[in-house]
Amino acid sequence: MFEKQLGIDLGTMNVLVHVKGQGIVLQEPSVVAISLDEYKIVAVGEEARAMLGRTPDPIEVIRPLRNGVIADYRVTQRMLEYFIHKASGGVGLFKPRVMISVPYGVTSVEKRAVREAALEAGASRAHLIPEPLAGAIGAGLPVDTPSGNMVVGIGGGASESAVISVNGIVVASSVRIAGLKMDAAIAGYIRRKYNLMIGQPTAEAVKIRIGSALPLEEDLSMEVQGRDQVAGLPRTITITTEEVTEALSEPLMAIIGVIKTVLERTPPELSSDIIDRGMVLVGGGAMLRKLDELITRETGVPAYVAEAPIACVSMGAGKALEKYELLKRTIPDL
């Protein structure tokens, strides 16, 4: 009765926490700064992200999650502890109950690592929900009905596509290409074309400010600063949306390939529902300009971006806790 209920989207790029009755209370980068001398955590979240690519040798800034799963257990546990403590409003008499999203198709070992990290971080009970299902619930799709609901989640480390019916995933597929690979594609394009080295935060800023999946009516441009590969000195160039679209074509085609795979494997009865209703896009990657148009053009199925796509998974995880008993019938290891 008195315990807080937290829905956590434990992403490669960001961690979002939804608290029952309060909504989204926390959204911070899943980045940790560590002092290598003593292996102590120096900063977490927004403070740590500001240090990316800017720290002296004794301090390392890392993302403890890779492709949506734990790459560094100890650091993930400490990061979770920080976020759970912050979202719960400090140390209370009752430990919070949490529902954490995990990528579809993770192994039992990876699931156990997430669950144990959450319990060690201060949760009273830790439940896991597949990200596509959490995203569909958060987007407001009628997942409890016997009709086909298609969701495409584009996060930081992985992109997933799934068809959901009667609170369960009927068919799904994923690829470890998403936001970070898009950033790498932009950085690689600038390096090849302009002989200019830029970091991941700069590439991400380019993607957000002028990126588009298809050409825009009015081309946008942005000044980018980096290090010249030949001279080794700082240099500034101007890059346009048209160039970013070209750079992103390869990772976007890989994501569309996953969507097509799921559509090909969907039972005919559910396919007709999806053609009528379309598919919903969730996750930070869904906010890329004209991505919904590109997916519609390539698949022939209408695609639309969910309201508040970044928040959908954490909201869905929070709502899933409220109907835990119902969902447990279709997801045995919930």
C-alpha atoms as a PDB file:
ATOM      1  CA  MET A   1       0.000   0.000   0.000  1.00  0.00           C
ATOM      2  CA  PHE A   2       2.783   2.445   0.926  1.00  0.00           C
ATOM      3  CA  GLU A   3       5.487   1.200  -1.455  1.00  0.00           C
ATOM      4  CA  LYS A   4       6.222   3.276  -4.535  1.00  0.00           C
ATOM      5  CA  GLN A   5       5.756   1.630  -7.930  1.00  0.00           C
ATOM      6  CA  LEU A   6       8.438   2.476 -10.488  1.00  0.00           C
ATOM      7  CA  GLY A   7       8.456   1.727 -14.205  1.00  0.00           C
ATOM      8  CA  ILE A   8      12.052   1.928 -15.469  1.00  0.00           C
ATOM      9  CA  ASP A   9      13.201   2.164 -19.075  1.00  0.00           C
ATOM     10  CA  LEU A  10      16.807   1.005 -18.698  1.00  0.00           C
ATOM     11  CA  GLY A  11      18.161   2.166 -22.037  1.00  0.00           C
ATOM     12  CA  THR A  12      21.599   2.254 -23.629  1.00  0.00           C
ATOM     13  CA  MET A  13      21.364   6.038 -24.044  1.00  0.00           C
ATOM     14  CA  ASN A  14      18.903   7.162 -21.353  1.00  0.00           C
ATOM     15  CA  VAL A  15      17.176   5.951 -18.200  1.00  0.00           C
ATOM     16  CA  LEU A  16      13.587   7.080 -17.650  1.00  0.00           C
ATOM     17  CA  VAL A  17      11.604   6.421 -14.480  1.00  0.00           C
ATOM     18  CA  HIS A  18       7.802   6.538 -14.211  1.00  0.00           C
ATOM     19  CA  VAL A  19       6.267   6.699 -10.734  1.00  0.00           C
ATOM     20  CA  LYS A  20       2.629   5.695 -10.211  1.00  0.00           C
ATOM     21  CA  GLY A  21       0.527   8.791  -9.606  1.00  0.00           C
ATOM     22  CA  GLN A  22       3.330  11.179 -10.613  1.00  0.00           C
ATOM     23  CA  GLY A  23       4.215  10.281 -14.219  1.00  0.00           C
ATOM     24  CA  ILE A  24       7.778  10.562 -15.572  1.00  0.00           C
ATOM     25  CA  VAL A  25       9.914  11.882 -12.703  1.00  0.00           C
ATOM     26  CA  LEU A  26      13.386  11.261 -14.109  1.00  0.00           C
ATOM     27  CA  GLN A  27      15.056  11.250 -17.517  1.00  0.00           C
ATOM     28  CA  GLU A  28      18.850  11.153 -17.505  1.00  0.00           C
ATOM     29  CA  PRO A  29      21.611   9.741 -19.731  1.00  0.00           C
ATOM     30  CA  SER A  30      22.779   6.229 -18.770  1.00  0.00           C
ATOM     31  CA  VAL A  31      26.354   7.450 -18.439  1.00  0.00           C
ATOM     32  CA  VAL A  32      28.720   7.055 -15.478  1.00  0.00           C
ATOM     33  CA  ALA A  33      32.083   8.751 -14.791  1.00  0.00           C
ATOM     34  CA  ILE A  34      34.562   6.575 -12.860  1.00  0.00           C
ATOM     35  CA  SER A  35      37.826   7.393 -11.105  1.00  0.00           C
ATOM     36  CA  LEU A  36      40.167   4.639 -12.339  1.00  0.00           C
ATOM     37  CA  ASP A  37      42.612   5.024  -9.428  1.00  0.00           C
ATOM     38  CA  GLU A  38      40.073   4.023  -6.759  1.00  0.00           C
ATOM     39  CA  TYR A  39      37.311   2.654  -9.063  1.00  0.00           C
ATOM     40  CA  LYS A  40      34.866   5.078  -7.470  1.00  0.00           C
ATOM     41  CA  ILE A  41      31.902   6.696  -9.212  1.00  0.00           C
ATOM     42  CA  VAL A  42      32.535  10.405  -9.747  1.00  0.00           C
ATOM     43  CA  ALA A  43      29.306  11.385 -11.530  1.00  0.00           C
ATOM     44  CA  VAL A  44      26.112   9.814 -12.912  1.00  0.00           C
ATOM     45  CA  GLY A  45      23.595  10.861 -15.569  1.00  0.00           C
ATOM     46  CA  GLU A  46      23.549  14.409 -16.942  1.00  0.00           C
ATOM     47  CA  GLU A  47      26.662  15.415 -14.982  1.00  0.00           C
ATOM     48  CA  ALA A  48      28.611  12.424 -16.376  1.00  0.00           C
ATOM     49  CA  ARG A  49      27.436  13.029 -19.967  1.00  0.00           C
ATOM     50  CA  ALA A  50      28.833  16.565 -19.824  1.00  0.00           C
ATOM     51  CA  MET A  51      32.257  14.929 -19.258  1.00  0.00           C
ATOM     52  CA  LEU A  52      32.125  12.687 -22.385  1.00  0.00           C
ATOM     53  CA  GLY A  53      35.359  13.105 -24.351  1.00  0.00           C
ATOM     54  CA  ARG A  54      36.563  15.844 -21.981  1.00  0.00           C
ATOM     55  CA  THR A  55      38.154  14.015 -19.015  1.00  0.00           C
ATOM     56  CA  PRO A  56      41.795  13.564 -17.945  1.00  0.00           C
ATOM     57  CA  ASP A  57      43.317  10.059 -17.903  1.00  0.00           C
ATOM     58  CA  PRO A  58      42.399   9.126 -14.274  1.00  0.00           C
ATOM     59  CA  ILE A  59      38.664   9.540 -15.045  1.00  0.00           C
ATOM     60  CA  GLU A  60      36.808   7.354 -17.547  1.00  0.00           C
ATOM     61  CA  VAL A  61      33.267   8.032 -18.765  1.00  0.00           C
ATOM     62  CA  ILE A  62      31.373   4.874 -19.747  1.00  0.00           C
ATOM     63  CA  ARG A  63      27.948   3.612 -20.775  1.00  0.00           C
ATOM     64  CA  PRO A  64      27.446   0.512 -18.551  1.00  0.00           C
ATOM     65  CA  LEU A  65      24.710  -0.784 -20.886  1.00  0.00           C
ATOM     66  CA  ARG A  66      25.405  -1.976 -24.403  1.00  0.00           C
ATOM     67  CA  ASN A  67      22.616  -2.808 -26.877  1.00  0.00           C
ATOM     68  CA  GLY A  68      20.130  -2.573 -24.011  1.00  0.00           C
ATOM     69  CA  VAL A  69      21.849  -5.199 -21.819  1.00  0.00           C
ATOM     70  CA  ILE A  70      24.323  -4.930 -18.949  1.00  0.00           C
ATOM     71  CA  ALA A  71      27.952  -4.668 -20.055  1.00  0.00           C
ATOM     72  CA  ASP A  72      29.339  -3.676 -16.632  1.00  0.00           C
ATOM     73  CA  TYR A  73      27.342  -5.184 -13.757  1.00  0.00           C
ATOM     74  CA  ARG A  74      28.852  -3.254 -10.835  1.00  0.00           C
ATOM     75  CA  VAL A  75      28.544   0.131 -12.503  1.00  0.00           C
ATOM     76  CA  THR A  76      24.962  -0.596 -13.691  1.00  0.00           C
ATOM     77  CA  GLN A  77      23.966  -1.569 -10.136  1.00  0.00           C
ATOM     78  CA  ARG A  78      25.425   1.677  -8.736  1.00  0.00           C
ATOM     79  CA  MET A  79      23.767   3.714 -11.487  1.00  0.00           C
ATOM     80  CA  LEU A  80      20.393   2.048 -10.828  1.00  0.00           C
ATOM     81  CA  GLU A  81      20.815   2.668  -7.105  1.00  0.00           C
ATOM     82  CA  TYR A  82      21.356   6.376  -7.811  1.00  0.00           C
ATOM     83  CA  PHE A  83      18.309   6.647 -10.108  1.00  0.00           C
ATOM     84  CA  ILE A  84      15.959   4.579  -7.886  1.00  0.00           C
ATOM     85  CA  HIS A  85      16.998   6.626  -4.842  1.00  0.00           C
ATOM     86  CA  LYS A  86      16.491   9.893  -6.750  1.00  0.00           C
ATOM     87  CA  ALA A  87      13.097   8.887  -8.206  1.00  0.00           C
ATOM     88  CA  SER A  88      11.847   7.570  -4.846  1.00  0.00           C
ATOM     89  CA  GLY A  89      12.699  10.816  -3.070  1.00  0.00           C
ATOM     90  CA  GLY A  90      15.434   9.425  -0.825  1.00  0.00           C
ATOM     91  CA  VAL A  91      15.516   6.623   1.707  1.00  0.00           C
ATOM     92  CA  GLY A  92      12.023   5.649   2.845  1.00  0.00           C
ATOM     93  CA  LEU A  93      10.622   3.032   5.177  1.00  0.00           C
ATOM     94  CA  PHE A  94       9.321   0.998   2.240  1.00  0.00           C
ATOM     95  CA  LYS A  95      11.485  -0.095  -0.682  1.00  0.00           C
ATOM     96  CA  PRO A  96       9.975   0.570  -4.134  1.00  0.00           C
ATOM     97  CA  ARG A  97       8.634  -2.165  -6.405  1.00  0.00           C
ATOM     98  CA  VAL A  98      10.023  -1.854  -9.915  1.00  0.00           C
ATOM     99  CA  MET A  99       9.179  -3.023 -13.425  1.00  0.00           C
ATOM    100  CA  ILE A 100      12.178  -2.795 -15.758  1.00  0.00           C
ATOM    101  CA  SER A 101      12.071  -3.041 -19.541  1.00  0.00           C
ATOM    102  CA  VAL A 102      14.487  -5.427 -21.258  1.00  0.00           C
ATOM    103  CA  PRO A 103      15.059  -5.937 -25.003  1.00  0.00           C
ATOM    104  CA  TYR A 104      13.078  -8.717 -26.671  1.00  0.00           C
ATOM    105  CA  GLY A 105      15.074 -11.935 -26.969  1.00  0.00           C
ATOM    106  CA  VAL A 106      17.577 -11.326 -24.156  1.00  0.00           C
ATOM    107  CA  THR A 107      18.982 -14.469 -22.545  1.00  0.00           C
ATOM    108  CA  SER A 108      17.971 -15.770 -19.118  1.00  0.00           C
ATOM    109  CA  VAL A 109      21.462 -14.818 -17.844  1.00  0.00           C
ATOM    110  CA  GLU A 110      20.994 -11.215 -19.018  1.00  0.00           C
ATOM    111  CA  LYS A 111      17.528 -11.090 -17.437  1.00  0.00           C
ATOM    112  CA  ARG A 112      18.866 -12.402 -14.136  1.00  0.00           C
ATOM    113  CA  ALA A 113      21.628  -9.763 -14.179  1.00  0.00           C
ATOM    114  CA  VAL A 114      19.074  -6.937 -14.586  1.00  0.00           C
ATOM    115  CA  ARG A 115      16.794  -8.343 -11.865  1.00  0.00           C
ATOM    116  CA  GLU A 116      19.657  -8.841  -9.390  1.00  0.00           C
ATOM    117  CA  ALA A 117      21.089  -5.388 -10.110  1.00  0.00           C
ATOM    118  CA  ALA A 118      17.677  -3.825  -9.345  1.00  0.00           C
ATOM    119  CA  LEU A 119      17.287  -5.769  -6.090  1.00  0.00           C
ATOM    120  CA  GLU A 120      20.809  -4.832  -4.970  1.00  0.00           C
ATOM    121  CA  ALA A 121      20.047  -1.216  -5.920  1.00  0.00           C
ATOM    122  CA  GLY A 122      17.213  -1.092  -3.377  1.00  0.00           C
ATOM    123  CA  ALA A 123      14.062  -2.516  -4.993  1.00  0.00           C
ATOM    124  CA  SER A 124      11.749  -4.691  -2.857  1.00  0.00           C
ATOM    125  CA  ARG A 125      10.673  -6.665  -5.932  1.00  0.00           C
ATOM    126  CA  ALA A 126      11.935  -6.459  -9.501  1.00  0.00           C
ATOM    127  CA  HIS A 127       9.859  -7.543 -12.517  1.00  0.00           C
ATOM    128  CA  LEU A 128      10.942  -7.533 -16.168  1.00  0.00           C
ATOM    129  CA  ILE A 129       8.867  -6.702 -19.238  1.00  0.00           C
ATOM    130  CA  PRO A 130       9.884  -6.940 -22.926  1.00  0.00           C
ATOM    131  CA  GLU A 131      10.476  -3.458 -24.347  1.00  0.00           C
ATOM    132  CA  PRO A 132       8.073  -3.799 -27.334  1.00  0.00           C
ATOM    133  CA  LEU A 133       5.191  -4.737 -24.998  1.00  0.00           C
ATOM    134  CA  ALA A 134       6.003  -1.886 -22.588  1.00  0.00           C
ATOM    135  CA  GLY A 135       6.226   0.528 -25.533  1.00  0.00           C
ATOM    136  CA  ALA A 136       2.845  -0.601 -26.900  1.00  0.00           C
ATOM    137  CA  ILE A 137       1.173  -0.209 -23.479  1.00  0.00           C
ATOM    138  CA  GLY A 138       2.765   3.235 -23.022  1.00  0.00           C
ATOM    139  CA  ALA A 139       1.606   4.303 -26.504  1.00  0.00           C
ATOM    140  CA  GLY A 140      -1.973   3.432 -25.534  1.00  0.00           C
ATOM    141  CA  LEU A 141      -2.454   0.490 -27.932  1.00  0.00           C
ATOM    142  CA  PRO A 142      -5.251  -1.988 -27.032  1.00  0.00           C
ATOM    143  CA  VAL A 143      -2.782  -4.814 -26.332  1.00  0.00           C
ATOM    144  CA  ASP A 144      -5.291  -6.819 -24.237  1.00  0.00           C
ATOM    145  CA  THR A 145      -7.629  -7.384 -27.205  1.00  0.00           C
ATOM    146  CA  PRO A 146      -7.334 -10.248 -29.747  1.00  0.00           C
ATOM    147  CA  SER A 147      -6.277  -7.857 -32.516  1.00  0.00           C
ATOM    148  CA  GLY A 148      -2.927  -7.111 -34.109  1.00  0.00           C
ATOM    149  CA  ASN A 149      -0.958  -4.168 -32.706  1.00  0.00           C
ATOM    150  CA  MET A 150       2.421  -3.434 -34.267  1.00  0.00           C
ATOM    151  CA  VAL A 151       5.071  -1.435 -32.463  1.00  0.00           C
ATOM    152  CA  VAL A 152       8.556  -0.391 -33.622  1.00  0.00           C
ATOM    153  CA  GLY A 153      10.993   0.718 -30.926  1.00  0.00           C
ATOM    154  CA  ILE A 154      14.132   2.600 -31.965  1.00  0.00           C
ATOM    155  CA  GLY A 155      16.335   3.228 -28.954  1.00  0.00           C
ATOM    156  CA  GLY A 156      20.014   3.933 -28.462  1.00  0.00           C
ATOM    157  CA  GLY A 157      21.495   0.440 -28.772  1.00  0.00           C
ATOM    158  CA  ALA A 158      18.843  -1.688 -30.512  1.00  0.00           C
ATOM    159  CA  SER A 159      15.798  -1.415 -32.760  1.00  0.00           C
ATOM    160  CA  GLU A 160      12.900  -3.820 -32.228  1.00  0.00           C
ATOM    161  CA  SER A 161       9.704  -4.563 -34.071  1.00  0.00           C
ATOM    162  CA  ALA A 162       6.856  -6.678 -32.683  1.00  0.00           C
ATOM    163  CA  VAL A 163       3.250  -7.660 -33.252  1.00  0.00           C
ATOM    164  CA  ILE A 164       1.269  -7.863 -30.004  1.00  0.00           C
ATOM    165  CA  SER A 165      -2.095  -9.478 -29.304  1.00  0.00           C
ATOM    166  CA  VAL A 166      -3.850 -10.538 -26.068  1.00  0.00           C
ATOM    167  CA  ASN A 167      -1.068  -9.116 -23.840  1.00  0.00           C
ATOM    168  CA  GLY A 168       1.623 -11.178 -25.536  1.00  0.00           C
ATOM    169  CA  ILE A 169       4.206 -10.886 -28.313  1.00  0.00           C
ATOM    170  CA  VAL A 170       3.150 -12.983 -31.319  1.00  0.00           C
ATOM    171  CA  VAL A 171       6.160 -12.302 -33.524  1.00  0.00           C
ATOM    172  CA  ALA A 172       9.171 -10.025 -33.026  1.00  0.00           C
ATOM    173  CA  SER A 173      12.634  -9.309 -34.339  1.00  0.00           C
ATOM    174  CA  SER A 174      15.465  -6.971 -33.382  1.00  0.00           C
ATOM    175  CA  VAL A 175      18.733  -5.600 -34.701  1.00  0.00           C
ATOM    176  CA  ARG A 176      21.558  -3.982 -32.738  1.00  0.00           C
ATOM    177  CA  ILE A 177      21.423  -0.863 -34.891  1.00  0.00           C
ATOM    178  CA  ALA A 178      19.801   2.281 -33.494  1.00  0.00           C
ATOM    179  CA  GLY A 179      20.678   5.766 -32.225  1.00  0.00           C
ATOM    180  CA  LEU A 180      24.364   5.147 -31.451  1.00  0.00           C
ATOM    181  CA  LYS A 181      24.952   3.480 -34.847  1.00  0.00           C
ATOM    182  CA  MET A 182      23.275   6.487 -36.520  1.00  0.00           C
ATOM    183  CA  ASP A 183      25.669   8.797 -34.652  1.00  0.00           C
ATOM    184  CA  ALA A 184      28.620   6.617 -35.747  1.00  0.00           C
ATOM    185  CA  ALA A 185      27.375   6.743 -39.374  1.00  0.00           C
ATOM    186  CA  ILE A 186      27.274  10.565 -39.273  1.00  0.00           C
ATOM    187  CA  ALA A 187      30.767  10.761 -37.711  1.00  0.00           C
ATOM    188  CA  GLY A 188      32.105   8.287 -40.311  1.00  0.00           C
ATOM    189  CA  TYR A 189      30.563  10.255 -43.190  1.00  0.00           C
ATOM    190  CA  ILE A 190      32.116  13.551 -41.984  1.00  0.00           C
ATOM    191  CA  ARG A 191      35.497  11.836 -41.497  1.00  0.00           C
ATOM    192  CA  ARG A 192      35.467  10.374 -45.039  1.00  0.00           C
ATOM    193  CA  LYS A 193      34.149  13.468 -46.818  1.00  0.00           C
ATOM    194  CA  TYR A 194      35.820  16.280 -44.889  1.00  0.00           C
ATOM    195  CA  ASN A 195      38.794  14.574 -43.137  1.00  0.00           C
ATOM    196  CA  LEU A 196      37.312  15.881 -39.882  1.00  0.00           C
ATOM    197  CA  MET A 197      37.165  13.890 -36.628  1.00  0.00           C
ATOM    198  CA  ILE A 198      34.122  14.530 -34.418  1.00  0.00           C
ATOM    199  CA  GLY A 199      32.931  12.864 -31.196  1.00  0.00           C
ATOM    200  CA  GLN A 200      29.674  10.998 -30.521  1.00  0.00           C
ATOM    201  CA  PRO A 201      28.015  13.958 -28.689  1.00  0.00           C
ATOM    202  CA  THR A 202      28.652  16.219 -31.729  1.00  0.00           C
ATOM    203  CA  ALA A 203      27.301  13.581 -34.145  1.00  0.00           C
ATOM    204  CA  GLU A 204      24.192  13.216 -31.969  1.00  0.00           C
ATOM    205  CA  ALA A 205      23.691  17.010 -31.996  1.00  0.00           C
ATOM    206  CA  VAL A 206      23.880  16.974 -35.826  1.00  0.00           C
ATOM    207  CA  LYS A 207      21.278  14.170 -35.981  1.00  0.00           C
ATOM    208  CA  ILE A 208      18.879  15.999 -33.642  1.00  0.00           C
ATOM    209  CA  ARG A 209      19.247  19.485 -35.100  1.00  0.00           C
ATOM    210  CA  ILE A 210      19.292  18.831 -38.864  1.00  0.00           C
ATOM    211  CA  GLY A 211      18.874  15.044 -39.349  1.00  0.00           C
ATOM    212  CA  SER A 212      16.131  13.612 -41.567  1.00  0.00           C
ATOM    213  CA  ALA A 213      15.296  10.195 -43.021  1.00  0.00           C
ATOM    214  CA  LEU A 214      14.172  11.784 -46.320  1.00  0.00           C
ATOM    215  CA  PRO A 215      15.162  15.044 -48.029  1.00  0.00           C
ATOM    216  CA  LEU A 216      13.412  18.142 -46.654  1.00  0.00           C
ATOM    217  CA  GLU A 217      11.646  20.782 -48.733  1.00  0.00           C
ATOM    218  CA  GLU A 218      14.018  23.357 -47.224  1.00  0.00           C
ATOM    219  CA  ASP A 219      17.539  22.081 -46.546  1.00  0.00           C
ATOM    220  CA  LEU A 220      18.859  22.824 -43.035  1.00  0.00           C
ATOM    221  CA  SER A 221      22.534  23.415 -42.256  1.00  0.00           C
ATOM    222  CA  MET A 222      24.768  23.439 -39.189  1.00  0.00           C
ATOM    223  CA  GLU A 223      28.333  24.369 -38.348  1.00  0.00           C
ATOM    224  CA  VAL A 224      30.357  21.421 -37.014  1.00  0.00           C
ATOM    225  CA  GLN A 225      33.659  21.727 -35.201  1.00  0.00           C
ATOM    226  CA  GLY A 226      36.236  18.963 -34.945  1.00  0.00           C
ATOM    227  CA  ARG A 227      39.887  18.035 -35.471  1.00  0.00           C
ATOM    228  CA  ASP A 228      41.407  17.945 -38.936  1.00  0.00           C
ATOM    229  CA  GLN A 229      42.760  14.437 -39.645  1.00  0.00           C
ATOM    230  CA  VAL A 230      45.650  15.720 -41.759  1.00  0.00           C
ATOM    231  CA  ALA A 231      46.794  18.895 -39.977  1.00  0.00           C
ATOM    232  CA  GLY A 232      45.658  17.766 -36.504  1.00  0.00           C
ATOM    233  CA  LEU A 233      44.273  21.254 -35.818  1.00  0.00           C
ATOM    234  CA  PRO A 234      40.718  22.376 -34.950  1.00  0.00           C
ATOM    235  CA  ARG A 235      38.526  23.173 -37.979  1.00  0.00           C
ATOM    236  CA  THR A 236      34.907  24.165 -38.640  1.00  0.00           C
ATOM    237  CA  ILE A 237      32.754  22.930 -41.532  1.00  0.00           C
ATOM    238  CA  THR A 238      29.107  23.398 -42.530  1.00  0.00           C
ATOM    239  CA  ILE A 239      27.010  20.263 -43.063  1.00  0.00           C
ATOM    240  CA  THR A 240      23.492  20.059 -44.563  1.00  0.00           C
ATOM    241  CA  THR A 241      20.446  17.858 -44.015  1.00  0.00           C
ATOM    242  CA  GLU A 242      20.926  16.300 -47.455  1.00  0.00           C
ATOM    243  CA  GLU A 243      24.357  15.019 -46.361  1.00  0.00           C
ATOM    244  CA  VAL A 244      23.010  13.676 -43.043  1.00  0.00           C
ATOM    245  CA  THR A 245      20.214  11.858 -44.925  1.00  0.00           C
ATOM    246  CA  GLU A 246      22.849  10.219 -47.114  1.00  0.00           C
ATOM    247  CA  ALA A 247      24.920   9.238 -44.043  1.00  0.00           C
ATOM    248  CA  LEU A 248      21.900   7.680 -42.303  1.00  0.00           C
ATOM    249  CA  SER A 249      20.646   5.625 -45.265  1.00  0.00           C
ATOM    250  CA  GLU A 250      22.512   2.422 -44.324  1.00  0.00           C
ATOM    251  CA  PRO A 251      21.441   2.139 -40.643  1.00  0.00           C
ATOM    252  CA  LEU A 252      17.855   3.130 -41.549  1.00  0.00           C
ATOM    253  CA  MET A 253      17.639   0.397 -44.211  1.00  0.00           C
ATOM    254  CA  ALA A 254      18.773  -2.160 -41.592  1.00  0.00           C
ATOM    255  CA  ILE A 255      15.949  -1.020 -39.267  1.00  0.00           C
ATOM    256  CA  ILE A 256      13.416  -1.231 -42.112  1.00  0.00           C
ATOM    257  CA  GLY A 257      14.713  -4.758 -42.826  1.00  0.00           C
ATOM    258  CA  VAL A 258      13.711  -5.809 -39.282  1.00  0.00           C
ATOM    259  CA  ILE A 259      10.236  -4.314 -39.748  1.00  0.00           C
ATOM    260  CA  LYS A 260       9.801  -6.216 -43.038  1.00  0.00           C
ATOM    261  CA  THR A 261      10.943  -9.476 -41.382  1.00  0.00           C
ATOM    262  CA  VAL A 262       8.213  -9.131 -38.742  1.00  0.00           C
ATOM    263  CA  LEU A 263       5.547  -8.264 -41.336  1.00  0.00           C
ATOM    264  CA  GLU A 264       6.504 -11.346 -43.395  1.00  0.00           C
ATOM    265  CA  ARG A 265       6.145 -13.620 -40.329  1.00  0.00           C
ATOM    266  CA  THR A 266       2.865 -12.137 -39.040  1.00  0.00           C
ATOM    267  CA  PRO A 267      -0.199 -14.460 -39.190  1.00  0.00           C
ATOM    268  CA  PRO A 268      -2.671 -13.378 -41.922  1.00  0.00           C
ATOM    269  CA  GLU A 269      -5.499 -12.499 -39.484  1.00  0.00           C
ATOM    270  CA  LEU A 270      -3.241 -10.095 -37.604  1.00  0.00           C
ATOM    271  CA  SER A 271      -1.758  -8.702 -40.842  1.00  0.00           C
ATOM    272  CA  SER A 272      -5.160  -7.356 -41.871  1.00  0.00           C
ATOM    273  CA  ASP A 273      -5.435  -5.522 -38.516  1.00  0.00           C
ATOM    274  CA  ILE A 274      -1.995  -3.970 -38.985  1.00  0.00           C
ATOM    275  CA  ILE A 275      -2.816  -2.772 -42.522  1.00  0.00           C
ATOM    276  CA  ASP A 276      -5.944  -1.073 -41.114  1.00  0.00           C
ATOM    277  CA  ARG A 277      -4.331   0.398 -37.991  1.00  0.00           C
ATOM    278  CA  GLY A 278      -0.733   0.883 -39.075  1.00  0.00           C
ATOM    279  CA  MET A 279       2.311   0.647 -36.822  1.00  0.00           C
ATOM    280  CA  VAL A 280       3.344   2.946 -33.994  1.00  0.00           C
ATOM    281  CA  LEU A 281       6.935   4.178 -33.563  1.00  0.00           C
ATOM    282  CA  VAL A 282       8.358   4.629 -30.057  1.00  0.00           C
ATOM    283  CA  GLY A 283      11.800   5.460 -28.624  1.00  0.00           C
ATOM    284  CA  GLY A 284      14.123   8.410 -29.164  1.00  0.00           C
ATOM    285  CA  GLY A 285      15.022   7.310 -32.700  1.00  0.00           C
ATOM    286  CA  ALA A 286      11.357   7.657 -33.731  1.00  0.00           C
ATOM    287  CA  MET A 287      11.776  11.452 -33.492  1.00  0.00           C
ATOM    288  CA  LEU A 288      14.048  11.585 -36.551  1.00  0.00           C
ATOM    289  CA  ARG A 289      12.357  13.822 -39.146  1.00  0.00           C
ATOM    290  CA  LYS A 290      10.330  11.986 -41.819  1.00  0.00           C
ATOM    291  CA  LEU A 291      11.202   8.514 -40.471  1.00  0.00           C
ATOM    292  CA  ASP A 292       7.504   7.586 -40.386  1.00  0.00           C
ATOM    293  CA  GLU A 293       7.198   8.635 -44.053  1.00  0.00           C
ATOM    294  CA  LEU A 294      10.227   6.526 -45.052  1.00  0.00           C
ATOM    295  CA  ILE A 295       8.877   3.419 -43.250  1.00  0.00           C
ATOM    296  CA  THR A 296       5.418   3.888 -44.817  1.00  0.00           C
ATOM    297  CA  ARG A 297       6.980   4.205 -48.286  1.00  0.00           C
ATOM    298  CA  GLU A 298       9.261   1.160 -47.880  1.00  0.00           C
ATOM    299  CA  THR A 299       6.729  -1.231 -46.260  1.00  0.00           C
ATOM    300  CA  GLY A 300       3.370  -0.078 -47.630  1.00  0.00           C
ATOM    301  CA  VAL A 301       1.995  -0.027 -44.064  1.00  0.00           C
ATOM    302  CA  PRO A 302       1.080   3.320 -42.442  1.00  0.00           C
ATOM    303  CA  ALA A 303       3.508   4.325 -39.680  1.00  0.00           C
ATOM    304  CA  TYR A 304       2.996   7.072 -37.138  1.00  0.00           C
ATOM    305  CA  VAL A 305       5.009   8.385 -34.195  1.00  0.00           C
ATOM    306  CA  ALA A 306       3.520   7.873 -30.732  1.00  0.00           C
ATOM    307  CA  GLU A 307       2.805  10.831 -28.493  1.00  0.00           C
ATOM    308  CA  ALA A 308       5.923  11.404 -26.314  1.00  0.00           C
ATOM    309  CA  PRO A 309       7.816   8.495 -27.973  1.00  0.00           C
ATOM    310  CA  ILE A 310      10.805   8.672 -25.578  1.00  0.00           C
ATOM    311  CA  ALA A 311       8.530   8.202 -22.527  1.00  0.00           C
ATOM    312  CA  CYS A 312       6.402   5.323 -23.904  1.00  0.00           C
ATOM    313  CA  VAL A 313       8.496   2.404 -22.578  1.00  0.00           C
ATOM    314  CA  SER A 314       8.828   3.733 -19.004  1.00  0.00           C
ATOM    315  CA  MET A 315       5.130   4.710 -18.925  1.00  0.00           C
ATOM    316  CA  GLY A 316       4.197   1.242 -20.213  1.00  0.00           C
ATOM    317  CA  ALA A 317       6.417  -0.437 -17.585  1.00  0.00           C
ATOM    318  CA  GLY A 318       4.699   1.615 -14.881  1.00  0.00           C
ATOM    319  CA  LYS A 319       1.216   0.739 -16.172  1.00  0.00           C
ATOM    320  CA  ALA A 320       2.220  -2.934 -16.448  1.00  0.00           C
ATOM    321  CA  LEU A 321       2.801  -3.026 -12.673  1.00  0.00           C
ATOM    322  CA  GLU A 322      -0.820  -1.971 -12.157  1.00  0.00           C
ATOM    323  CA  LYS A 323      -2.078  -4.938 -14.203  1.00  0.00           C
ATOM    324  CA  TYR A 324       0.643  -7.331 -13.117  1.00  0.00           C
ATOM    325  CA  GLU A 325      -1.657 -10.317 -12.400  1.00  0.00           C
ATOM    326  CA  LEU A 326      -3.268 -10.068 -15.847  1.00  0.00           C
ATOM    327  CA  LEU A 327       0.044  -9.846 -17.700  1.00  0.00           C
ATOM    328  CA  LYS A 328       1.584 -12.688 -15.695  1.00  0.00           C
ATOM    329  CA  ARG A 329      -0.680 -15.181 -17.510  1.00  0.00           C
ATOM    330  CA  THR A 330       0.955 -14.427 -20.886  1.00  0.00           C
ATOM    331  CA  ILE A 331       4.490 -13.566 -19.662  1.00  0.00           C
ATOM    332  CA  PRO A 332       5.539 -16.362 -17.272  1.00  0.00           C
ATOM    333  CA  ASP A 333       8.854 -14.826 -16.129  1.00  0.00           C
ATOM    334  CA  LEU A 334       7.391 -11.358 -15.541  1.00  0.00           C
END
